[in-house]
């Protein structure tokens, strides 16, 4: 492993989605319904993913309710700007494959297991019940109401390579302003029981395997939920 690849490895203290401990957590499906997230005065919906799949606004009911509560606890002039919730397995697999190809070009000497682990810093492997496919995960940021997004240190969905790992939630290579804004986001979401994926400041979840790992629960509550007439109404 050369120096460039070594620098791109996550901290040993970070457990990644690709680590066996995550995939080994059992799932006890709660059968909680998926519902569409609705905009409020404190929560707006970014339409970036609408053309990819208009069902990006769907979340498990309790997750949506927790997100509403988190948004209401923000300062008066700040809102949550929601980017993506539910995601199909097909789209998840495509994202993972495409990022794997990018990494293969960046690190041509890396083995497939190394590349898969590196990819999982940014896109969950499709074989471990990815959080977004459960309806329990959200990608979001903070913004001024009807205004620009707050400085969070990187754009949302910045890769570790392009951001030089500043996308890591606890990165020390961001400004004081960005750190303050991340702390605000962390505070309102953890108060509602969300778990953060530490390589992506914008990714939070409840009920999935990573949430179970973070909070020490023996089982996850949400498994992969396929689109159906029952859940998508």
Protein backbone atom coordinates (compact mmCIF):
# COMPACT_ATOMS: atom_id res chain seq x y z
CA UNK A 1 0.00 0.00 0.00
CA UNK A 2 1.59 3.27 -1.05
CA UNK A 3 1.45 6.49 0.96
CA UNK A 4 -1.46 7.94 -1.01
CA UNK A 5 -3.61 4.88 -0.42
CA UNK A 6 -2.59 4.74 3.24
CA UNK A 7 -3.66 8.34 3.77
CA UNK A 8 -7.04 7.51 2.26
CA UNK A 9 -7.71 4.71 4.74
CA UNK A 10 -10.15 5.72 7.46
CA UNK A 11 -9.09 6.05 11.06
CA UNK A 12 -8.81 2.65 12.73
CA UNK A 13 -11.36 3.87 15.28
CA UNK A 14 -14.05 4.24 12.60
CA UNK A 15 -16.17 1.19 11.88
CA UNK A 16 -17.21 1.29 8.23
CA UNK A 17 -20.33 -0.10 6.60
CA UNK A 18 -18.21 -2.80 4.97
CA UNK A 19 -16.92 -4.11 8.30
CA UNK A 20 -18.31 -7.54 9.22
CA UNK A 21 -19.59 -6.29 12.58
CA UNK A 22 -22.25 -4.22 10.77
CA UNK A 23 -23.44 -6.98 8.46
CA UNK A 24 -23.65 -9.43 11.36
CA UNK A 25 -26.24 -7.40 13.29
CA UNK A 26 -29.61 -9.21 13.04
CA UNK A 27 -32.68 -7.39 11.78
CA UNK A 28 -36.05 -7.71 13.49
CA UNK A 29 -38.28 -5.98 10.96
CA UNK A 30 -40.86 -3.77 12.63
CA UNK A 31 -43.06 -3.42 9.51
CA UNK A 32 -43.30 0.30 10.21
CA UNK A 33 -44.76 2.08 7.20
CA UNK A 34 -42.91 4.30 4.77
CA UNK A 35 -44.45 7.76 4.43
CA UNK A 36 -43.53 10.77 2.27
CA UNK A 37 -41.71 13.55 4.10
CA UNK A 38 -43.60 16.82 3.76
CA UNK A 39 -42.01 20.28 3.80
CA UNK A 40 -42.66 22.52 6.79
CA UNK A 41 -41.60 26.03 7.75
CA UNK A 42 -38.46 24.47 9.29
CA UNK A 43 -37.77 21.68 6.82
CA UNK A 44 -37.36 21.99 3.07
CA UNK A 45 -36.97 19.34 0.39
CA UNK A 46 -34.10 19.61 -2.07
CA UNK A 47 -35.21 18.17 -5.42
CA UNK A 48 -31.77 16.98 -6.61
CA UNK A 49 -32.82 13.32 -6.55
CA UNK A 50 -36.37 13.76 -7.84
CA UNK A 51 -35.49 12.72 -11.38
CA UNK A 52 -33.43 9.75 -10.16
CA UNK A 53 -36.42 8.43 -8.21
CA UNK A 54 -39.29 10.63 -6.98
CA UNK A 55 -39.69 8.35 -3.96
CA UNK A 56 -36.52 9.83 -2.44
CA UNK A 57 -38.76 11.68 0.06
CA UNK A 58 -40.03 8.47 1.72
CA UNK A 59 -38.97 7.57 5.25
CA UNK A 60 -40.14 5.26 7.99
CA UNK A 61 -42.89 7.03 9.93
CA UNK A 62 -40.96 7.36 13.20
CA UNK A 63 -37.88 8.63 11.35
CA UNK A 64 -39.92 11.33 9.63
CA UNK A 65 -41.48 12.36 12.92
CA UNK A 66 -38.07 12.57 14.59
CA UNK A 67 -36.79 14.71 11.74
CA UNK A 68 -39.70 17.13 12.12
CA UNK A 69 -38.94 17.42 15.83
CA UNK A 70 -35.24 18.02 15.17
CA UNK A 71 -36.05 20.79 12.70
CA UNK A 72 -38.38 22.51 15.16
CA UNK A 73 -35.61 22.63 17.77
CA UNK A 74 -33.30 24.67 15.51
CA UNK A 75 -32.83 28.44 15.89
CA UNK A 76 -35.65 30.48 14.36
CA UNK A 77 -33.78 31.37 11.16
CA UNK A 78 -32.34 27.88 10.47
CA UNK A 79 -33.97 24.93 8.74
CA UNK A 80 -33.12 21.36 7.86
CA UNK A 81 -32.65 20.95 4.11
CA UNK A 82 -33.41 17.34 3.23
CA UNK A 83 -31.67 15.77 0.25
CA UNK A 84 -32.46 12.05 0.20
CA UNK A 85 -34.18 9.32 2.18
CA UNK A 86 -35.32 6.02 0.70
CA UNK A 87 -33.21 4.58 -2.13
CA UNK A 88 -33.73 1.46 -4.20
CA UNK A 89 -31.25 -1.42 -4.12
CA UNK A 90 -30.66 -0.95 -7.86
CA UNK A 91 -29.65 2.68 -7.42
CA UNK A 92 -27.56 1.82 -4.36
CA UNK A 93 -25.69 -0.88 -6.29
CA UNK A 94 -25.09 1.49 -9.19
CA UNK A 95 -23.70 4.21 -6.91
CA UNK A 96 -21.37 1.70 -5.26
CA UNK A 97 -20.19 0.29 -8.58
CA UNK A 98 -19.56 3.75 -10.03
CA UNK A 99 -17.56 4.90 -7.02
CA UNK A 100 -15.60 1.65 -7.04
CA UNK A 101 -14.61 2.42 -10.63
CA UNK A 102 -13.44 5.90 -9.60
CA UNK A 103 -11.33 4.43 -6.82
CA UNK A 104 -9.93 1.74 -9.10
CA UNK A 105 -8.57 4.50 -11.34
CA UNK A 106 -7.26 6.47 -8.38
CA UNK A 107 -5.60 3.49 -6.66
CA UNK A 108 -4.74 1.01 -9.45
CA UNK A 109 -2.54 -1.03 -7.11
CA UNK A 110 -5.30 -1.63 -4.54
CA UNK A 111 -6.93 -5.04 -4.17
CA UNK A 112 -10.68 -5.51 -4.56
CA UNK A 113 -11.22 -5.86 -0.78
CA UNK A 114 -9.28 -2.65 -0.22
CA UNK A 115 -11.31 -0.85 -2.86
CA UNK A 116 -14.59 -2.11 -1.41
CA UNK A 117 -13.60 -0.90 2.04
CA UNK A 118 -12.55 2.48 0.69
CA UNK A 119 -15.80 2.76 -1.27
CA UNK A 120 -17.82 2.08 1.87
CA UNK A 121 -16.58 5.34 3.38
CA UNK A 122 -18.88 7.06 0.88
CA UNK A 123 -21.42 4.53 -0.42
CA UNK A 124 -22.80 1.63 1.55
CA UNK A 125 -22.09 -1.80 0.00
CA UNK A 126 -25.30 -3.23 -1.46
CA UNK A 127 -24.79 -6.59 0.28
CA UNK A 128 -25.19 -5.34 3.88
CA UNK A 129 -28.76 -3.97 3.73
CA UNK A 130 -27.78 -0.37 2.98
CA UNK A 131 -29.35 2.17 5.35
CA UNK A 132 -31.10 4.11 2.61
CA UNK A 133 -32.90 1.00 1.34
CA UNK A 134 -34.54 0.61 4.75
CA UNK A 135 -36.15 4.04 4.77
CA UNK A 136 -34.29 4.77 8.00
CA UNK A 137 -31.48 6.94 6.62
CA UNK A 138 -31.37 10.58 5.59
CA UNK A 139 -28.90 12.84 3.82
CA UNK A 140 -29.36 16.46 4.86
CA UNK A 141 -27.79 19.75 5.81
CA UNK A 142 -28.65 23.02 7.51
CA UNK A 143 -29.68 26.20 5.73
CA UNK A 144 -31.10 29.62 6.39
CA UNK A 145 -34.85 29.51 5.89
CA UNK A 146 -35.51 30.21 2.21
CA UNK A 147 -31.82 31.04 1.89
CA UNK A 148 -28.35 29.57 1.34
CA UNK A 149 -27.00 26.51 3.08
CA UNK A 150 -24.77 26.95 6.09
CA UNK A 151 -21.04 26.40 5.80
CA UNK A 152 -20.51 22.77 6.83
CA UNK A 153 -16.90 22.49 5.72
CA UNK A 154 -17.65 20.64 2.47
CA UNK A 155 -20.55 20.36 0.10
CA UNK A 156 -23.02 17.61 0.83
CA UNK A 157 -21.98 14.28 -0.76
CA UNK A 158 -18.33 15.32 -1.09
CA UNK A 159 -16.11 12.25 -1.43
CA UNK A 160 -13.19 11.66 0.94
CA UNK A 161 -10.80 12.04 -1.99
CA UNK A 162 -12.11 15.36 -3.26
CA UNK A 163 -12.49 16.81 0.25
CA UNK A 164 -9.24 15.37 1.63
CA UNK A 165 -11.34 13.72 4.36
CA UNK A 166 -12.95 16.98 5.46
CA UNK A 167 -16.25 15.16 4.88
CA UNK A 168 -15.48 13.16 8.04
CA UNK A 169 -17.79 14.50 10.74
CA UNK A 170 -15.01 15.09 13.27
CA UNK A 171 -12.51 16.51 10.76
CA UNK A 172 -10.18 19.07 12.26
CA UNK A 173 -9.40 20.58 8.85
CA UNK A 174 -12.51 22.77 8.66
CA UNK A 175 -13.16 26.33 9.78
CA UNK A 176 -14.47 27.29 13.20
CA UNK A 177 -17.73 28.36 11.56
CA UNK A 178 -18.18 25.00 9.86
CA UNK A 179 -17.35 23.17 13.09
CA UNK A 180 -19.94 25.22 14.96
CA UNK A 181 -22.55 24.42 12.32
CA UNK A 182 -21.74 20.71 12.44
CA UNK A 183 -22.10 20.77 16.20
CA UNK A 184 -25.53 22.35 15.83
CA UNK A 185 -26.54 19.60 13.41
CA UNK A 186 -25.12 16.90 15.66
CA UNK A 187 -26.95 18.29 18.68
CA UNK A 188 -30.43 18.43 17.20
CA UNK A 189 -30.19 15.03 15.49
CA UNK A 190 -28.63 13.06 18.34
CA UNK A 191 -31.27 14.50 20.66
CA UNK A 192 -33.80 12.68 18.48
CA UNK A 193 -31.88 9.41 18.54
CA UNK A 194 -30.24 9.61 15.12
CA UNK A 195 -26.85 8.00 14.52
CA UNK A 196 -24.24 9.56 12.27
CA UNK A 197 -22.02 7.73 9.82
CA UNK A 198 -18.69 9.32 10.81
CA UNK A 199 -17.21 9.56 7.31
CA UNK A 200 -20.21 11.61 6.11
CA UNK A 201 -21.34 14.54 8.22
CA UNK A 202 -24.64 14.68 6.28
CA UNK A 203 -25.69 11.01 6.72
CA UNK A 204 -27.88 10.10 9.70
CA UNK A 205 -30.10 7.13 10.46
CA UNK A 206 -32.45 5.45 12.89
CA UNK A 207 -33.54 1.84 13.10
CA UNK A 208 -30.97 0.41 10.67
CA UNK A 209 -27.94 -1.75 11.40
CA UNK A 210 -25.49 1.13 11.76
CA UNK A 211 -27.82 2.85 14.23
CA UNK A 212 -28.00 -0.41 16.19
CA UNK A 213 -24.20 -0.58 16.24
CA UNK A 214 -23.76 3.02 17.40
CA UNK A 215 -26.26 2.70 20.24
CA UNK A 216 -25.42 -0.85 21.23
CA UNK A 217 -28.77 -2.40 20.33
CA UNK A 218 -28.79 -6.13 19.76
CA UNK A 219 -31.02 -5.88 16.69
CA UNK A 220 -31.90 -3.42 13.96
CA UNK A 221 -35.57 -2.49 13.52
CA UNK A 222 -35.61 -1.84 9.78
CA UNK A 223 -34.63 -4.12 6.93
CA UNK A 224 -34.74 -3.41 3.24
CA UNK A 225 -38.21 -2.40 2.14
CA UNK A 226 -39.15 -2.77 -1.49
CA UNK A 227 -41.60 -0.40 -3.20
CA UNK A 228 -45.12 -1.68 -2.97
CA UNK A 229 -48.70 -0.46 -3.11
CA UNK A 230 -48.89 -1.13 0.62
CA UNK A 231 -46.05 1.22 1.54
CA UNK A 232 -46.02 3.81 -1.25
CA UNK A 233 -49.33 5.61 -1.12
